[in-house]
Amino acid sequence: MSKLNIGIILGSTRQGRLSPQVGKWVKNIADQRGDANYEIVDIADYKLPLLGEEDATEQATAWNTKLASLDGFVFIVQEYNHSISASLKNALDYAREAWNDKAAGIVSYGSVGGARAAEHLRGILGELSVADVRVHPALSLFTDFENPFTPEMAFKPADLHLVNLNGMLDQVLAWSGALKTLR
């Protein structure tokens, strides 16, 4: 059986965002496992305008094509005002069938580990027929980043997160493989 294709979705488009640092960490750990094809998928690269504001056929087609090529997802989610970023919600809304019958894990960060954003994302994923997995690495802005709240802020995760990250990846792969039989 060929390896599953798992997209690591960067959930922010903001200047100075931290999601590329977190996404790179996830990809480096995931690639060491050798059990799937992992790739970073940056929603900023698709330049999706607000849904319904202008013709975005070209961007939406490229976005849906990318999502359709993936068997599962790991969302890198930062908490914005107790929820997910507007850019991630917009990107989620630009697709429907491309999300269906796939699995997703969540890696969140924020002042309380991004837990509130992760919970909001779980509700949205359910509506899109995405099976989100239970294990959830939650990263603290206070303990997993150096120089918090400064332009020099850098991601330095505690080693304890490796257990949850690997557990989440195990679940994403198991569910992605099982759900692939439905598509």
Protein backbone atom coordinates (compact mmCIF):
# COMPACT_ATOMS: atom_id res chain seq x y z
CA MET A 1 0.00 0.00 0.00
CA SER A 2 1.33 3.46 -0.86
CA LYS A 3 2.03 5.98 1.85
CA LEU A 4 -0.68 8.42 2.87
CA ASN A 5 -0.30 12.10 2.01
CA ILE A 6 -0.73 14.36 5.04
CA GLY A 7 -0.91 18.14 4.74
CA ILE A 8 0.34 20.31 7.57
CA ILE A 9 -1.96 23.33 7.24
CA LEU A 10 -0.52 26.64 8.47
CA GLY A 11 -3.54 28.41 9.95
CA SER A 12 -2.51 32.05 9.70
CA THR A 13 -1.54 34.56 7.05
CA ARG A 14 -0.52 37.39 9.38
CA GLN A 15 2.87 39.13 9.04
CA GLY A 16 5.20 37.89 11.78
CA ARG A 17 3.15 34.75 12.35
CA LEU A 18 4.61 31.85 14.28
CA SER A 19 2.83 29.03 12.44
CA PRO A 20 5.73 28.44 9.99
CA GLN A 21 8.05 27.71 12.95
CA VAL A 22 5.55 25.32 14.52
CA GLY A 23 4.75 23.70 11.16
CA LYS A 24 8.43 23.12 10.44
CA TRP A 25 8.83 21.42 13.85
CA VAL A 26 5.85 19.15 13.14
CA LYS A 27 7.16 18.30 9.67
CA ASN A 28 10.68 17.54 10.93
CA ILE A 29 9.36 15.14 13.58
CA ALA A 30 6.84 13.60 11.16
CA ASP A 31 9.44 13.08 8.42
CA GLN A 32 11.69 11.20 10.88
CA ARG A 33 8.90 8.66 11.31
CA GLY A 34 8.96 7.72 7.62
CA ASP A 35 5.36 6.46 7.74
CA ALA A 36 3.68 8.96 5.39
CA ASN A 37 4.36 11.77 2.96
CA TYR A 38 4.11 15.02 4.92
CA GLU A 39 4.03 18.48 3.38
CA ILE A 40 3.45 21.98 4.64
CA VAL A 41 0.44 23.65 3.04
CA ASP A 42 0.45 27.39 3.66
CA ILE A 43 -2.94 29.03 3.18
CA ALA A 44 -1.13 32.31 2.54
CA ASP A 45 0.18 30.86 -0.74
CA TYR A 46 -3.37 30.59 -2.12
CA LYS A 47 -4.30 34.26 -1.65
CA LEU A 48 -7.94 33.48 -1.03
CA PRO A 49 -10.04 36.66 -0.84
CA LEU A 50 -12.92 36.77 1.63
CA LEU A 51 -15.47 34.22 0.48
CA GLY A 52 -18.05 35.86 -1.81
CA GLU A 53 -16.30 39.23 -2.18
CA GLU A 54 -14.78 38.65 -5.60
CA ASP A 55 -14.33 35.98 -8.23
CA ALA A 56 -11.75 33.61 -6.80
CA THR A 57 -12.25 30.71 -9.19
CA GLU A 58 -8.54 30.32 -9.89
CA GLN A 59 -7.49 30.43 -6.22
CA ALA A 60 -10.37 28.21 -5.09
CA THR A 61 -9.59 25.64 -7.79
CA ALA A 62 -5.92 25.50 -6.78
CA TRP A 63 -6.88 25.24 -3.08
CA ASN A 64 -9.42 22.47 -3.66
CA THR A 65 -7.01 20.57 -5.92
CA LYS A 66 -4.34 20.64 -3.22
CA LEU A 67 -6.79 19.48 -0.52
CA ALA A 68 -8.13 16.70 -2.75
CA SER A 69 -4.58 15.33 -3.15
CA LEU A 70 -4.26 14.84 0.62
CA ASP A 71 -5.50 11.95 2.75
CA GLY A 72 -5.40 13.78 6.08
CA PHE A 73 -4.35 16.96 7.81
CA VAL A 74 -2.52 18.43 10.76
CA PHE A 75 -3.75 21.94 11.50
CA ILE A 76 -1.35 24.43 13.07
CA VAL A 77 -3.78 26.65 14.95
CA GLN A 78 -3.08 29.78 16.90
CA GLU A 79 -5.68 31.33 19.15
CA TYR A 80 -7.05 34.71 18.08
CA ASN A 81 -9.63 36.17 20.48
CA HIS A 82 -10.58 32.71 21.82
CA SER A 83 -11.01 31.21 18.33
CA ILE A 84 -9.24 30.39 15.06
CA SER A 85 -7.94 33.04 12.68
CA ALA A 86 -10.30 34.56 10.13
CA SER A 87 -7.96 33.42 7.34
CA LEU A 88 -8.23 29.78 8.44
CA LYS A 89 -12.03 29.96 8.69
CA ASN A 90 -12.12 31.50 5.22
CA ALA A 91 -9.86 28.75 3.81
CA LEU A 92 -12.02 26.07 5.42
CA ASP A 93 -15.13 27.59 3.82
CA TYR A 94 -13.58 27.65 0.33
CA ALA A 95 -13.77 23.85 0.15
CA ARG A 96 -16.39 21.26 0.95
CA GLU A 97 -16.00 17.87 -0.68
CA ALA A 98 -12.19 18.10 -0.60
CA TRP A 99 -12.36 17.89 3.22
CA ASN A 100 -14.92 15.09 3.41
CA ASP A 101 -14.04 11.68 4.86
CA LYS A 102 -10.55 12.59 5.96
CA ALA A 103 -8.88 12.81 9.37
CA ALA A 104 -7.21 15.73 11.08
CA GLY A 105 -5.03 16.42 14.05
CA ILE A 106 -4.58 19.78 15.71
CA VAL A 107 -1.43 21.40 17.08
CA SER A 108 -2.42 24.63 18.81
CA TYR A 109 -0.67 27.44 20.59
CA GLY A 110 -1.67 30.47 22.60
CA SER A 111 -1.76 31.85 26.11
CA VAL A 112 -3.70 28.76 27.25
CA GLY A 113 -2.17 26.46 24.67
CA GLY A 114 -4.65 27.48 21.98
CA ALA A 115 -7.23 25.16 23.53
CA ARG A 116 -10.19 27.43 22.78
CA ALA A 117 -9.19 27.74 19.12
CA ALA A 118 -8.78 23.97 18.87
CA GLU A 119 -12.26 23.43 20.28
CA HIS A 120 -13.79 25.87 17.79
CA LEU A 121 -11.94 24.15 14.95
CA ARG A 122 -13.28 20.75 16.04
CA GLY A 123 -16.86 21.97 15.58
CA ILE A 124 -16.12 23.31 12.10
CA LEU A 125 -14.30 20.10 11.08
CA GLY A 126 -17.30 18.03 12.16
CA GLU A 127 -19.52 20.02 9.80
CA LEU A 128 -17.03 19.35 6.98
CA SER A 129 -17.09 15.58 7.68
CA VAL A 130 -13.53 15.57 8.94
CA ALA A 131 -12.75 13.17 11.78
CA ASP A 132 -10.60 15.05 14.26
CA VAL A 133 -8.43 12.94 16.54
CA ARG A 134 -8.29 13.15 20.32
CA VAL A 135 -4.58 13.63 21.04
CA HIS A 136 -3.72 17.30 20.81
CA PRO A 137 -0.36 18.98 21.40
CA ALA A 138 -1.14 22.35 23.04
CA LEU A 139 1.77 24.77 23.12
CA SER A 140 2.08 27.69 25.52
CA LEU A 141 3.25 31.12 24.42
CA PHE A 142 4.87 31.43 27.86
CA THR A 143 6.85 28.19 28.07
CA ASP A 144 7.33 26.95 24.49
CA PHE A 145 8.56 30.20 22.95
CA GLU A 146 11.61 32.31 23.78
CA ASN A 147 11.25 36.09 24.07
CA PRO A 148 7.45 35.96 24.16
CA PHE A 149 5.55 38.92 22.76
CA THR A 150 8.60 40.49 21.12
CA PRO A 151 9.68 40.58 17.46
CA GLU A 152 12.41 38.06 18.39
CA MET A 153 9.89 35.48 19.61
CA ALA A 154 11.15 32.00 18.66
CA PHE A 155 9.58 28.57 18.98
CA LYS A 156 11.47 26.30 21.42
CA PRO A 157 9.09 23.47 22.36
CA ALA A 158 9.53 21.45 25.49
CA ASP A 159 10.49 17.82 24.85
CA LEU A 160 7.32 16.64 26.57
CA HIS A 161 5.32 17.65 23.49
CA LEU A 162 6.95 14.89 21.42
CA VAL A 163 4.79 12.24 23.09
CA ASN A 164 1.58 14.06 22.18
CA LEU A 165 2.79 14.96 18.69
CA ASN A 166 3.67 11.36 17.88
CA GLY A 167 0.45 10.10 19.45
CA MET A 168 -1.55 12.56 17.37
CA LEU A 169 0.27 11.53 14.18
CA ASP A 170 -0.41 7.85 14.98
CA GLN A 171 -4.13 8.62 15.25
CA VAL A 172 -4.21 10.80 12.12
CA LEU A 173 -2.59 8.03 10.08
CA ALA A 174 -4.88 5.32 11.46
CA TRP A 175 -8.02 7.33 10.78
CA SER A 176 -6.79 8.63 7.41
CA GLY A 177 -6.11 5.09 6.24
CA ALA A 178 -9.50 3.85 7.42
CA LEU A 179 -11.38 6.80 5.88
CA LYS A 180 -9.56 6.44 2.57
CA THR A 181 -11.67 3.34 1.97
CA LEU A 182 -14.77 5.58 1.93
CA ARG A 183 -13.50 7.90 -0.79
